[in-house]
């Protein structure tokens, strides 16, 4: 495999213990994982969230950390800025690809946007700075990049059902050649989500039959002729994440000592699509063979791929220290950068006058971690203007929030839950929601209005239907009062992205107000 280079010292450490699936209980779909020396890198789909294409790093294939994004801003149209009434929900970044090329020391990210053009971003480091270096007029849909053994020839597998391979110029700025290499027969059906590899002189394309199968194509040449064999066929999800879909749409990844793994995702709505990992072996015919669990389904537990290398947990408290957001944060659409500041806390100034959370700019989002999770923010409402709304949302195509409302007429503060914020099937807004609970925001001592408040949301995102979320608030951070009744979450897959936490502040009357968030905690 062309991403395999020399084994580093840490890979010689004795490998002991096991890992449990999923490897990250977060919505990180359409994954592309590859190895560079003693580290693995992971990118995923983000659609309308900005910055796009997160980059994670691991030293054992199990413990991961966010280190950046390959697409700093979604610059393809004003819809990604929520300009006027425009919006870009469920557009943007789908099933992109990323690799490192040692000969020029560059990192490459490639992705097609809105079935139209393909964008190439490069960087001198995985952590950036990333910049757009080429725009290709051909859509390399659901693509997978292979850098061949000469470290100079670039191939991209792509397409839907009619699968193609494109050869790029050495600088990845143009397409030299493209050719259909496989037409899926009706007995297989739709194929997409391509990833491309090379092993022992053979070229491989992994491709998925949504949403239950993974197929492998193999040929002695990048342009064929390819033979095909199934790798995963309706494999049940691991018992540690029951109720979800069959793991599919992933890729192969190796270790420095020659082991191979298949990384896929499990549909696990309402939480999204979560990554799972399993070993593969190689058959005498040169095709990979998936190692399943004892019941024939995806194994819940396997031996560690490499020596355990713990990293800081993806949960805990972010106090917004310093002057920049951490790499795990993404905005709902592009932010108005003049309307927020990070300086040992997060200040959100209102950026939109609206009654619609889905049209409000500068909603800052974070993936929900784990099957049952709680998020708490500490919010100072003292600078809110009349008509402003600010707080903590559960954000998806059916949303709800707990937050602070300043009355447009009287200026009085209240803490409220708003539910029933719904989208239509075309991602326009069907309903802007209504109060499901609301109380005046007084301090406990009866000395007047309280302006510092703890807002909390708890979500059950185990795969399945009838999952709910609940909300509460506190004036001292110790005693929390429930507010409103449990809110039903939508487990339909069509929005693709799972529920996220969203920190928001928007105006309903006029711009000028702001809130200060001193911390966000996820447990």
Protein backbone atom coordinates (compact mmCIF):
# COMPACT_ATOMS: atom_id res chain seq x y z
CA UNK A 1 0.00 0.00 0.00
CA UNK A 2 1.53 3.30 -1.02
CA UNK A 3 0.91 5.04 2.30
CA UNK A 4 3.09 2.45 4.03
CA UNK A 5 6.54 3.77 4.83
CA UNK A 6 9.10 2.85 7.43
CA UNK A 7 7.95 1.47 10.76
CA UNK A 8 8.68 3.83 13.64
CA UNK A 9 10.00 2.84 17.02
CA UNK A 10 6.59 2.90 18.72
CA UNK A 11 5.28 0.16 16.43
CA UNK A 12 7.75 -2.31 17.94
CA UNK A 13 6.08 -2.03 21.35
CA UNK A 14 4.28 -5.21 22.38
CA UNK A 15 0.64 -5.15 21.32
CA UNK A 16 -1.70 -6.34 24.05
CA UNK A 17 -5.33 -5.88 25.01
CA UNK A 18 -8.48 -5.41 23.00
CA UNK A 19 -10.63 -2.60 21.68
CA UNK A 20 -14.41 -2.28 21.59
CA UNK A 21 -16.55 -1.13 18.67
CA UNK A 22 -17.48 1.51 17.73
CA UNK A 23 -14.00 3.00 17.79
CA UNK A 24 -15.54 6.50 18.11
CA UNK A 25 -19.18 6.92 19.03
CA UNK A 26 -19.56 10.08 16.99
CA UNK A 27 -21.09 10.93 13.62
CA UNK A 28 -18.06 10.53 11.33
CA UNK A 29 -19.42 9.02 8.12
CA UNK A 30 -17.96 8.21 4.70
CA UNK A 31 -14.66 7.68 6.43
CA UNK A 32 -11.28 7.61 4.71
CA UNK A 33 -8.48 6.31 6.95
CA UNK A 34 -4.84 5.91 5.96
CA UNK A 35 -1.46 5.48 7.61
CA UNK A 36 1.66 7.64 7.44
CA UNK A 37 4.58 6.11 9.35
CA UNK A 38 3.37 5.46 12.91
CA UNK A 39 0.16 7.51 12.75
CA UNK A 40 -3.24 7.10 11.12
CA UNK A 41 -5.37 9.90 9.72
CA UNK A 42 -9.13 10.03 9.26
CA UNK A 43 -11.41 12.37 7.32
CA UNK A 44 -15.20 12.29 6.99
CA UNK A 45 -18.24 13.99 5.48
CA UNK A 46 -19.49 17.27 6.95
CA UNK A 47 -21.99 18.50 4.31
CA UNK A 48 -23.11 22.01 5.34
CA UNK A 49 -20.89 22.33 8.42
CA UNK A 50 -17.89 24.66 8.29
CA UNK A 51 -14.94 24.27 8.34
CA UNK A 52 -15.37 21.04 6.40
CA UNK A 53 -13.68 17.65 6.16
CA UNK A 54 -12.39 17.10 9.71
CA UNK A 55 -8.98 15.54 10.19
CA UNK A 56 -8.40 13.18 13.08
CA UNK A 57 -5.18 11.44 14.09
CA UNK A 58 -4.49 8.21 15.96
CA UNK A 59 -1.42 6.22 16.97
CA UNK A 60 -3.26 2.94 17.52
CA UNK A 61 -6.31 3.06 15.15
CA UNK A 62 -8.61 3.18 18.18
CA UNK A 63 -7.94 6.36 20.17
CA UNK A 64 -8.41 9.52 18.07
CA UNK A 65 -7.98 13.28 18.33
CA UNK A 66 -9.24 16.12 16.15
CA UNK A 67 -6.35 18.09 14.64
CA UNK A 68 -7.92 20.25 11.93
CA UNK A 69 -10.00 20.52 8.77
CA UNK A 70 -9.01 20.22 5.12
CA UNK A 71 -11.55 22.77 3.86
CA UNK A 72 -11.26 26.01 5.84
CA UNK A 73 -14.44 27.56 4.44
CA UNK A 74 -17.27 26.38 2.19
CA UNK A 75 -16.67 28.91 -0.57
CA UNK A 76 -18.80 27.43 -3.37
CA UNK A 77 -21.84 29.74 -3.16
CA UNK A 78 -23.51 32.31 -0.91
CA UNK A 79 -25.97 29.61 0.18
CA UNK A 80 -23.22 28.29 2.45
CA UNK A 81 -23.29 31.69 4.21
CA UNK A 82 -27.04 31.44 4.92
CA UNK A 83 -27.31 34.62 2.85
CA UNK A 84 -30.85 36.02 2.75
CA UNK A 85 -33.17 33.04 2.56
CA UNK A 86 -30.64 30.73 0.89
CA UNK A 87 -29.20 27.67 2.60
CA UNK A 88 -27.16 24.57 1.75
CA UNK A 89 -28.41 21.86 4.10
CA UNK A 90 -27.41 18.34 3.01
CA UNK A 91 -25.13 19.70 0.32
CA UNK A 92 -21.41 20.40 0.60
CA UNK A 93 -18.87 17.72 1.46
CA UNK A 94 -19.77 14.09 0.78
CA UNK A 95 -17.46 11.07 0.69
CA UNK A 96 -14.22 12.89 -0.02
CA UNK A 97 -10.67 11.53 0.11
CA UNK A 98 -7.34 12.51 1.60
CA UNK A 99 -3.74 11.28 1.32
CA UNK A 100 -0.14 12.29 2.04
CA UNK A 101 2.55 12.25 -0.65
CA UNK A 102 6.08 11.89 0.68
CA UNK A 103 7.90 13.06 -2.47
CA UNK A 104 6.58 16.62 -2.20
CA UNK A 105 5.68 16.63 1.50
CA UNK A 106 2.11 17.63 0.70
CA UNK A 107 -1.26 16.52 1.98
CA UNK A 108 -4.07 16.26 -0.58
CA UNK A 109 -7.83 16.44 -0.09
CA UNK A 110 -10.19 15.89 -3.04
CA UNK A 111 -13.98 16.10 -3.11
CA UNK A 112 -16.88 16.72 -5.47
CA UNK A 113 -19.50 19.25 -4.35
CA UNK A 114 -23.15 19.25 -5.47
CA UNK A 115 -22.52 16.77 -8.31
CA UNK A 116 -20.77 19.51 -10.26
CA UNK A 117 -17.11 20.31 -9.73
CA UNK A 118 -14.27 18.66 -7.87
CA UNK A 119 -12.05 20.67 -5.55
CA UNK A 120 -8.46 19.91 -4.63
CA UNK A 121 -7.02 21.31 -1.41
CA UNK A 122 -3.41 20.86 -0.33
CA UNK A 123 -1.34 21.63 2.75
CA UNK A 124 2.26 21.27 3.97
CA UNK A 125 0.98 19.59 7.16
CA UNK A 126 -2.11 17.70 8.17
CA UNK A 127 -2.85 20.57 10.54
CA UNK A 128 -2.61 23.09 7.70
CA UNK A 129 -2.70 25.68 6.44
CA UNK A 130 -4.96 24.19 3.78
CA UNK A 131 -5.64 26.03 0.53
CA UNK A 132 -7.63 25.42 -2.65
CA UNK A 133 -5.13 24.56 -5.40
CA UNK A 134 -7.31 23.26 -8.23
CA UNK A 135 -10.90 23.08 -9.46
CA UNK A 136 -11.77 20.24 -11.84
CA UNK A 137 -14.83 20.53 -14.09
CA UNK A 138 -15.59 16.80 -13.74
CA UNK A 139 -17.41 15.56 -10.64
CA UNK A 140 -15.29 12.80 -9.11
CA UNK A 141 -18.28 11.58 -7.12
CA UNK A 142 -17.68 9.59 -3.91
CA UNK A 143 -13.98 9.41 -4.68
CA UNK A 144 -10.91 7.58 -3.39
CA UNK A 145 -7.35 8.75 -4.07
CA UNK A 146 -4.44 6.36 -4.67
CA UNK A 147 -0.86 7.57 -4.93
CA UNK A 148 0.97 4.82 -6.79
CA UNK A 149 4.29 3.23 -5.84
CA UNK A 150 6.31 5.81 -7.78
CA UNK A 151 4.82 8.48 -5.47
CA UNK A 152 4.10 10.53 -8.59
CA UNK A 153 1.12 8.96 -10.37
CA UNK A 154 -2.27 9.83 -8.90
CA UNK A 155 -5.43 7.79 -9.52
CA UNK A 156 -8.94 8.52 -8.30
CA UNK A 157 -11.71 5.91 -8.26
CA UNK A 158 -15.19 7.42 -8.39
CA UNK A 159 -18.73 7.14 -9.64
CA UNK A 160 -22.13 5.61 -9.01
CA UNK A 161 -22.80 2.12 -10.40
CA UNK A 162 -20.70 2.92 -13.48
CA UNK A 163 -17.39 3.12 -11.64
CA UNK A 164 -14.50 5.02 -13.18
CA UNK A 165 -10.82 5.64 -12.57
CA UNK A 166 -9.25 9.01 -13.38
CA UNK A 167 -5.53 9.65 -13.66
CA UNK A 168 -4.56 13.11 -12.47
CA UNK A 169 -1.56 15.18 -13.45
CA UNK A 170 1.34 14.88 -10.99
CA UNK A 171 0.36 18.19 -9.37
CA UNK A 172 -3.33 17.12 -9.15
CA UNK A 173 -4.51 20.19 -11.07
CA UNK A 174 -6.06 18.42 -14.08
CA UNK A 175 -7.43 15.09 -15.28
CA UNK A 176 -5.10 13.30 -17.71
CA UNK A 177 -7.37 10.35 -18.40
CA UNK A 178 -10.62 8.91 -17.15
CA UNK A 179 -12.24 5.60 -17.98
CA UNK A 180 -15.21 3.54 -16.83
CA UNK A 181 -13.70 0.38 -15.34
CA UNK A 182 -16.79 -1.44 -14.04
CA UNK A 183 -20.52 -1.37 -14.66
CA UNK A 184 -22.43 -2.96 -11.81
CA UNK A 185 -24.94 -5.58 -12.99
CA UNK A 186 -28.54 -5.51 -11.82
CA UNK A 187 -27.79 -8.49 -9.58
CA UNK A 188 -25.58 -6.19 -7.49
CA UNK A 189 -27.32 -2.85 -8.00
CA UNK A 190 -26.09 0.59 -7.00
CA UNK A 191 -22.42 0.89 -6.10
CA UNK A 192 -20.76 4.05 -4.78
CA UNK A 193 -18.36 5.28 -2.11
CA UNK A 194 -15.14 4.21 -3.83
CA UNK A 195 -11.75 3.82 -2.12
CA UNK A 196 -8.67 2.77 -4.09
CA UNK A 197 -5.58 0.81 -2.95
CA UNK A 198 -2.62 -1.14 -4.23
CA UNK A 199 -1.20 -4.30 -2.67
CA UNK A 200 1.32 -6.77 -4.10
CA UNK A 201 1.05 -5.22 -7.55
CA UNK A 202 -2.76 -5.49 -7.64
CA UNK A 203 -5.16 -2.54 -7.71
CA UNK A 204 -8.23 -2.63 -5.48
CA UNK A 205 -11.39 -0.54 -5.40
CA UNK A 206 -13.68 -0.87 -2.40
CA UNK A 207 -17.24 0.18 -3.12
CA UNK A 208 -20.50 -0.05 -1.22
CA UNK A 209 -24.00 -1.25 -2.04
CA UNK A 210 -26.04 1.09 0.19
CA UNK A 211 -26.67 0.36 2.90
CA UNK A 212 -25.74 -3.27 3.52
CA UNK A 213 -22.85 -4.54 1.41
CA UNK A 214 -19.20 -3.81 0.65
CA UNK A 215 -17.66 -5.11 -2.58
CA UNK A 216 -14.03 -5.33 -3.65
CA UNK A 217 -12.79 -4.97 -7.22
CA UNK A 218 -9.30 -6.27 -8.11
CA UNK A 219 -7.18 -5.84 -11.25
CA UNK A 220 -3.52 -5.91 -12.32
CA UNK A 221 -3.92 -2.43 -13.86
CA UNK A 222 -5.66 0.68 -12.48
CA UNK A 223 -7.91 0.68 -15.56
CA UNK A 224 -8.85 -2.99 -15.34
CA UNK A 225 -10.03 -5.48 -16.18
CA UNK A 226 -11.53 -5.86 -12.70
CA UNK A 227 -12.97 -8.92 -11.02
CA UNK A 228 -15.31 -8.46 -8.07
CA UNK A 229 -16.09 -10.20 -4.79
CA UNK A 230 -18.19 -9.30 -1.77
CA UNK A 231 -16.38 -8.38 1.46
CA UNK A 232 -19.33 -7.70 3.77
CA UNK A 233 -22.88 -8.87 3.09
CA UNK A 234 -25.57 -7.69 5.51
CA UNK A 235 -23.27 -8.13 8.49
CA UNK A 236 -25.16 -7.42 11.71
CA UNK A 237 -23.87 -4.45 13.75
CA UNK A 238 -21.76 -5.11 16.83
CA UNK A 239 -23.63 -6.05 19.98
CA UNK A 240 -22.08 -2.99 21.62
CA UNK A 241 -24.10 -0.76 19.24
CA UNK A 242 -27.31 -2.77 18.68
CA UNK A 243 -30.25 -1.59 16.63
CA UNK A 244 -28.28 0.09 13.86
CA UNK A 245 -27.64 -0.78 10.26
CA UNK A 246 -25.17 -3.12 8.56
CA UNK A 247 -21.61 -1.73 8.59
CA UNK A 248 -20.67 -0.59 5.09
CA UNK A 249 -18.95 2.15 3.03
CA UNK A 250 -15.45 2.17 4.36
CA UNK A 251 -11.93 1.31 3.40
CA UNK A 252 -8.87 -0.80 4.05
CA UNK A 253 -6.01 0.30 6.27
CA UNK A 254 -2.77 -1.42 7.25
CA UNK A 255 -0.41 -1.43 10.22
CA UNK A 256 3.36 -1.15 10.12
CA UNK A 257 3.72 -4.83 10.99
CA UNK A 258 1.55 -6.00 8.09
CA UNK A 259 -1.91 -6.43 9.60
CA UNK A 260 -4.95 -5.19 7.67
CA UNK A 261 -8.32 -3.85 8.78
CA UNK A 262 -11.61 -2.82 7.25
CA UNK A 263 -13.07 0.39 8.71
CA UNK A 264 -16.74 1.02 7.96
CA UNK A 265 -19.65 2.94 9.43
CA UNK A 266 -22.88 1.81 11.03
CA UNK A 267 -26.09 3.76 10.48
CA UNK A 268 -26.93 4.62 14.09
CA UNK A 269 -29.67 7.25 13.91
CA UNK A 270 -30.65 9.53 15.53
CA UNK A 271 -26.96 9.96 16.35
CA UNK A 272 -25.66 9.57 12.81
CA UNK A 273 -23.14 7.14 11.33
CA UNK A 274 -20.46 5.75 13.62
CA UNK A 275 -17.16 4.05 12.70
CA UNK A 276 -16.43 0.40 13.41
CA UNK A 277 -13.25 -1.59 12.77
CA UNK A 278 -12.50 -5.26 12.08
CA UNK A 279 -9.46 -7.27 10.93
CA UNK A 280 -9.22 -8.70 7.44
CA UNK A 281 -7.08 -11.54 6.13
CA UNK A 282 -6.16 -12.23 2.53
CA UNK A 283 -7.44 -15.24 0.64
CA UNK A 284 -5.53 -17.27 -1.89
CA UNK A 285 -7.38 -15.41 -4.65
CA UNK A 286 -5.93 -12.11 -3.48
CA UNK A 287 -9.19 -10.74 -2.08
CA UNK A 288 -9.59 -9.56 1.52
CA UNK A 289 -11.73 -11.64 3.91
CA UNK A 290 -13.54 -9.97 6.80
CA UNK A 291 -13.07 -11.33 10.32
CA UNK A 292 -16.49 -11.43 11.98
CA UNK A 293 -17.57 -11.98 15.56
CA UNK A 294 -18.51 -15.28 17.10
CA UNK A 295 -22.15 -14.89 15.99
CA UNK A 296 -21.25 -14.07 12.39
CA UNK A 297 -21.97 -10.38 12.90
CA UNK A 298 -19.52 -7.53 13.30
CA UNK A 299 -17.34 -8.27 16.28
CA UNK A 300 -17.85 -6.17 19.38
CA UNK A 301 -14.25 -6.68 20.46
CA UNK A 302 -10.98 -7.46 18.68
CA UNK A 303 -7.28 -7.45 19.60
CA UNK A 304 -5.66 -4.03 19.48
CA UNK A 305 -4.12 -3.22 16.06
CA UNK A 306 -1.12 -1.52 17.68
CA UNK A 307 0.20 -0.70 21.13
CA UNK A 308 -2.33 1.42 22.96
CA UNK A 309 -1.60 5.13 22.72
CA UNK A 310 -4.18 6.99 24.83
CA UNK A 311 -5.11 10.53 23.82
CA UNK A 312 -7.12 13.19 25.66
CA UNK A 313 -10.79 12.20 25.82
CA UNK A 314 -13.25 13.64 23.32
CA UNK A 315 -15.52 14.53 26.24
CA UNK A 316 -14.93 16.94 29.11
CA UNK A 317 -14.89 20.71 29.42
CA UNK A 318 -13.84 23.27 26.83
CA UNK A 319 -13.35 26.67 28.46
CA UNK A 320 -12.48 28.26 25.10
CA UNK A 321 -9.00 29.09 26.31
CA UNK A 322 -6.78 31.08 24.01
CA UNK A 323 -8.03 32.85 20.91
CA UNK A 324 -9.06 30.03 18.57
CA UNK A 325 -11.68 27.29 18.61
CA UNK A 326 -10.59 23.70 19.08
CA UNK A 327 -10.53 21.42 16.04
CA UNK A 328 -13.67 19.50 17.09
CA UNK A 329 -15.92 22.54 16.57
CA UNK A 330 -17.80 23.28 13.32
CA UNK A 331 -20.30 26.01 12.45
CA UNK A 332 -23.72 25.44 10.91
CA UNK A 333 -22.80 26.88 7.48
CA UNK A 334 -20.02 29.47 7.23
CA UNK A 335 -19.79 31.87 10.16
CA UNK A 336 -19.76 35.65 10.04
CA UNK A 337 -16.28 35.98 11.50
CA UNK A 338 -16.93 39.56 12.63
CA UNK A 339 -19.69 38.36 14.95
CA UNK A 340 -17.83 36.03 17.29
CA UNK A 341 -14.65 36.07 19.34
CA UNK A 342 -12.67 33.50 21.30
CA UNK A 343 -10.66 34.96 24.15
CA UNK A 344 -10.74 32.76 27.24
CA UNK A 345 -14.42 32.27 26.58
CA UNK A 346 -16.68 32.46 23.54
CA UNK A 347 -18.58 35.66 22.69
CA UNK A 348 -21.40 35.28 20.19
CA UNK A 349 -22.83 38.53 18.87
CA UNK A 350 -26.12 38.24 17.01
CA UNK A 351 -25.46 37.83 13.29
CA UNK A 352 -29.00 37.37 11.93
CA UNK A 353 -32.42 38.86 12.55
CA UNK A 354 -34.78 35.90 12.23
CA UNK A 355 -37.27 33.73 14.05
CA UNK A 356 -35.83 30.62 12.40
CA UNK A 357 -32.98 28.75 14.06
CA UNK A 358 -32.15 27.09 10.72
CA UNK A 359 -31.51 30.52 9.12
CA UNK A 360 -29.52 31.94 12.03
CA UNK A 361 -25.81 32.36 11.34
CA UNK A 362 -23.06 31.52 13.80
CA UNK A 363 -24.55 28.45 15.44
CA UNK A 364 -21.51 26.59 16.72
CA UNK A 365 -21.85 22.80 16.69
CA UNK A 366 -20.20 19.80 18.27
CA UNK A 367 -20.78 16.10 17.61
CA UNK A 368 -22.61 14.21 20.33
CA UNK A 369 -20.29 11.64 21.88
CA UNK A 370 -21.57 8.30 23.10
CA UNK A 371 -24.96 6.64 23.11
CA UNK A 372 -26.27 8.74 26.00
CA UNK A 373 -24.72 12.15 26.45
CA UNK A 374 -25.19 15.39 28.36
CA UNK A 375 -23.98 18.84 27.38
CA UNK A 376 -23.88 21.89 29.63
CA UNK A 377 -23.00 25.46 28.76
CA UNK A 378 -22.48 28.40 31.11
CA UNK A 379 -24.00 31.51 29.54
CA UNK A 380 -23.86 35.17 30.54
CA UNK A 381 -26.99 36.87 29.21
CA UNK A 382 -26.29 40.38 30.51
CA UNK A 383 -25.56 41.84 27.04
CA UNK A 384 -28.56 40.31 25.27
CA UNK A 385 -30.69 42.83 23.41
CA UNK A 386 -34.51 42.89 23.45
CA UNK A 387 -35.82 40.08 21.23
CA UNK A 388 -32.63 37.99 21.36
CA UNK A 389 -32.63 34.21 21.78
CA UNK A 390 -29.52 32.30 22.92
CA UNK A 391 -28.77 28.88 24.27
CA UNK A 392 -28.04 25.22 23.61
CA UNK A 393 -29.79 23.33 20.80
CA UNK A 394 -30.17 19.74 19.71
CA UNK A 395 -29.70 20.44 16.02
CA UNK A 396 -30.99 18.35 13.13
CA UNK A 397 -34.04 18.38 10.81
CA UNK A 398 -36.20 18.17 13.94
CA UNK A 399 -34.66 20.45 16.55
CA UNK A 400 -35.27 21.85 20.00
CA UNK A 401 -33.41 24.13 22.38
CA UNK A 402 -33.06 25.30 25.94
CA UNK A 403 -32.04 28.90 26.25
CA UNK A 404 -32.60 32.45 27.35
CA UNK A 405 -35.12 34.80 25.74
CA UNK A 406 -35.14 38.55 26.30
CA UNK A 407 -38.60 39.95 25.72
CA UNK A 408 -38.68 42.43 22.84
CA UNK A 409 -41.16 44.72 24.61
CA UNK A 410 -40.19 44.60 28.28
CA UNK A 411 -36.58 43.42 28.12
CA UNK A 412 -37.33 40.79 30.77
CA UNK A 413 -35.31 37.57 30.69
CA UNK A 414 -36.79 34.10 30.77
CA UNK A 415 -35.36 30.61 30.44
CA UNK A 416 -37.26 28.51 27.96
CA UNK A 417 -37.45 25.29 25.99
CA UNK A 418 -38.56 25.62 22.38
CA UNK A 419 -39.51 22.44 20.51
CA UNK A 420 -41.07 21.55 17.18
CA UNK A 421 -38.42 23.26 15.04
CA UNK A 422 -38.89 21.16 11.94
CA UNK A 423 -37.77 20.95 8.31
CA UNK A 424 -39.64 19.86 5.24
CA UNK A 425 -38.32 17.12 2.98
CA UNK A 426 -36.54 19.74 0.85
CA UNK A 427 -34.81 21.17 3.95
CA UNK A 428 -36.85 24.35 4.00
CA UNK A 429 -38.31 25.23 7.39
CA UNK A 430 -41.68 23.69 8.17
CA UNK A 431 -42.05 25.15 11.67
CA UNK A 432 -39.99 27.51 13.80
CA UNK A 433 -41.14 25.91 17.05
CA UNK A 434 -43.08 26.96 20.11
CA UNK A 435 -42.48 27.20 23.82
CA UNK A 436 -42.61 23.85 25.59
CA UNK A 437 -41.66 25.40 28.91
CA UNK A 438 -40.79 28.91 30.10
CA UNK A 439 -40.09 30.59 33.45
CA UNK A 440 -38.93 34.05 34.46
CA UNK A 441 -35.23 34.18 35.11
CA UNK A 442 -34.94 35.34 38.72
CA UNK A 443 -32.11 34.60 41.11
CA UNK A 444 -32.70 32.31 44.05
CA UNK A 445 -32.43 35.09 46.60
CA UNK A 446 -35.19 37.16 45.06
CA UNK A 447 -32.79 40.00 44.36
CA UNK A 448 -33.87 40.44 40.77
CA UNK A 449 -33.00 39.05 37.40
CA UNK A 450 -30.27 36.41 37.11
CA UNK A 451 -28.03 36.82 34.07
CA UNK A 452 -25.58 33.90 34.45
CA UNK A 453 -27.21 30.58 33.76
CA UNK A 454 -26.26 26.93 33.24
CA UNK A 455 -28.15 25.31 30.37
CA UNK A 456 -28.19 21.54 29.98
CA UNK A 457 -29.41 19.03 27.42
CA UNK A 458 -29.36 15.24 27.67
CA UNK A 459 -29.82 13.05 24.59
CA UNK A 460 -30.40 9.34 24.12
CA UNK A 461 -28.95 8.64 20.67
CA UNK A 462 -28.83 4.87 20.80
CA UNK A 463 -29.71 3.49 17.37
CA UNK A 464 -33.45 3.16 17.01
CA UNK A 465 -36.75 4.99 17.11
CA UNK A 466 -38.54 6.68 20.01
CA UNK A 467 -35.35 8.25 21.37
CA UNK A 468 -35.80 11.43 23.38
CA UNK A 469 -33.94 14.40 24.77
CA UNK A 470 -34.57 16.46 27.89
CA UNK A 471 -33.57 19.91 29.10
CA UNK A 472 -32.81 21.61 32.38
CA UNK A 473 -31.24 24.76 33.79
CA UNK A 474 -29.49 25.98 36.92
CA UNK A 475 -28.51 29.30 38.46
CA UNK A 476 -25.68 27.88 40.57
CA UNK A 477 -24.38 24.92 38.56
CA UNK A 478 -25.35 22.48 41.30
CA UNK A 479 -29.13 22.31 41.40
CA UNK A 480 -30.72 21.75 37.98
CA UNK A 481 -34.43 22.18 37.35
CA UNK A 482 -36.09 20.24 34.51
CA UNK A 483 -37.87 22.38 31.97
CA UNK A 484 -40.45 21.19 29.48
CA UNK A 485 -41.23 17.57 28.69
CA UNK A 486 -39.08 15.02 26.83
CA UNK A 487 -38.62 15.86 23.15
CA UNK A 488 -38.82 13.16 20.49
CA UNK A 489 -35.78 12.89 18.19
CA UNK A 490 -35.96 12.05 14.50
CA UNK A 491 -34.24 8.79 13.54
CA UNK A 492 -34.84 8.99 9.78
CA UNK A 493 -31.64 8.82 7.73
CA UNK A 494 -32.45 11.29 4.96
CA UNK A 495 -30.78 14.30 6.59
CA UNK A 496 -27.67 12.09 6.72
CA UNK A 497 -25.94 14.02 9.50
CA UNK A 498 -26.86 13.01 13.03
CA UNK A 499 -27.92 15.21 15.91
CA UNK A 500 -25.39 17.73 17.18
CA UNK A 501 -25.12 20.13 20.07
CA UNK A 502 -25.49 23.71 18.85
CA UNK A 503 -24.62 26.91 20.73
CA UNK A 504 -26.60 29.79 19.21
CA UNK A 505 -27.49 33.46 19.58
CA UNK A 506 -29.82 35.21 17.15
CA UNK A 507 -31.92 38.36 17.14
CA UNK A 508 -35.64 38.59 16.44
CA UNK A 509 -35.76 42.40 16.58
CA UNK A 510 -32.39 44.01 15.83
CA UNK A 511 -28.70 43.20 15.88
CA UNK A 512 -26.47 44.48 18.65
CA UNK A 513 -26.77 41.96 21.46
CA UNK A 514 -24.28 39.31 22.53
CA UNK A 515 -23.76 36.47 24.98
CA UNK A 516 -20.62 35.11 26.58
CA UNK A 517 -20.13 31.34 26.92
CA UNK A 518 -17.51 30.58 29.57
CA UNK A 519 -17.55 26.81 29.08
CA UNK A 520 -19.03 23.82 27.28
CA UNK A 521 -18.99 20.43 29.01
CA UNK A 522 -19.93 17.09 27.48
CA UNK A 523 -20.26 13.94 29.55
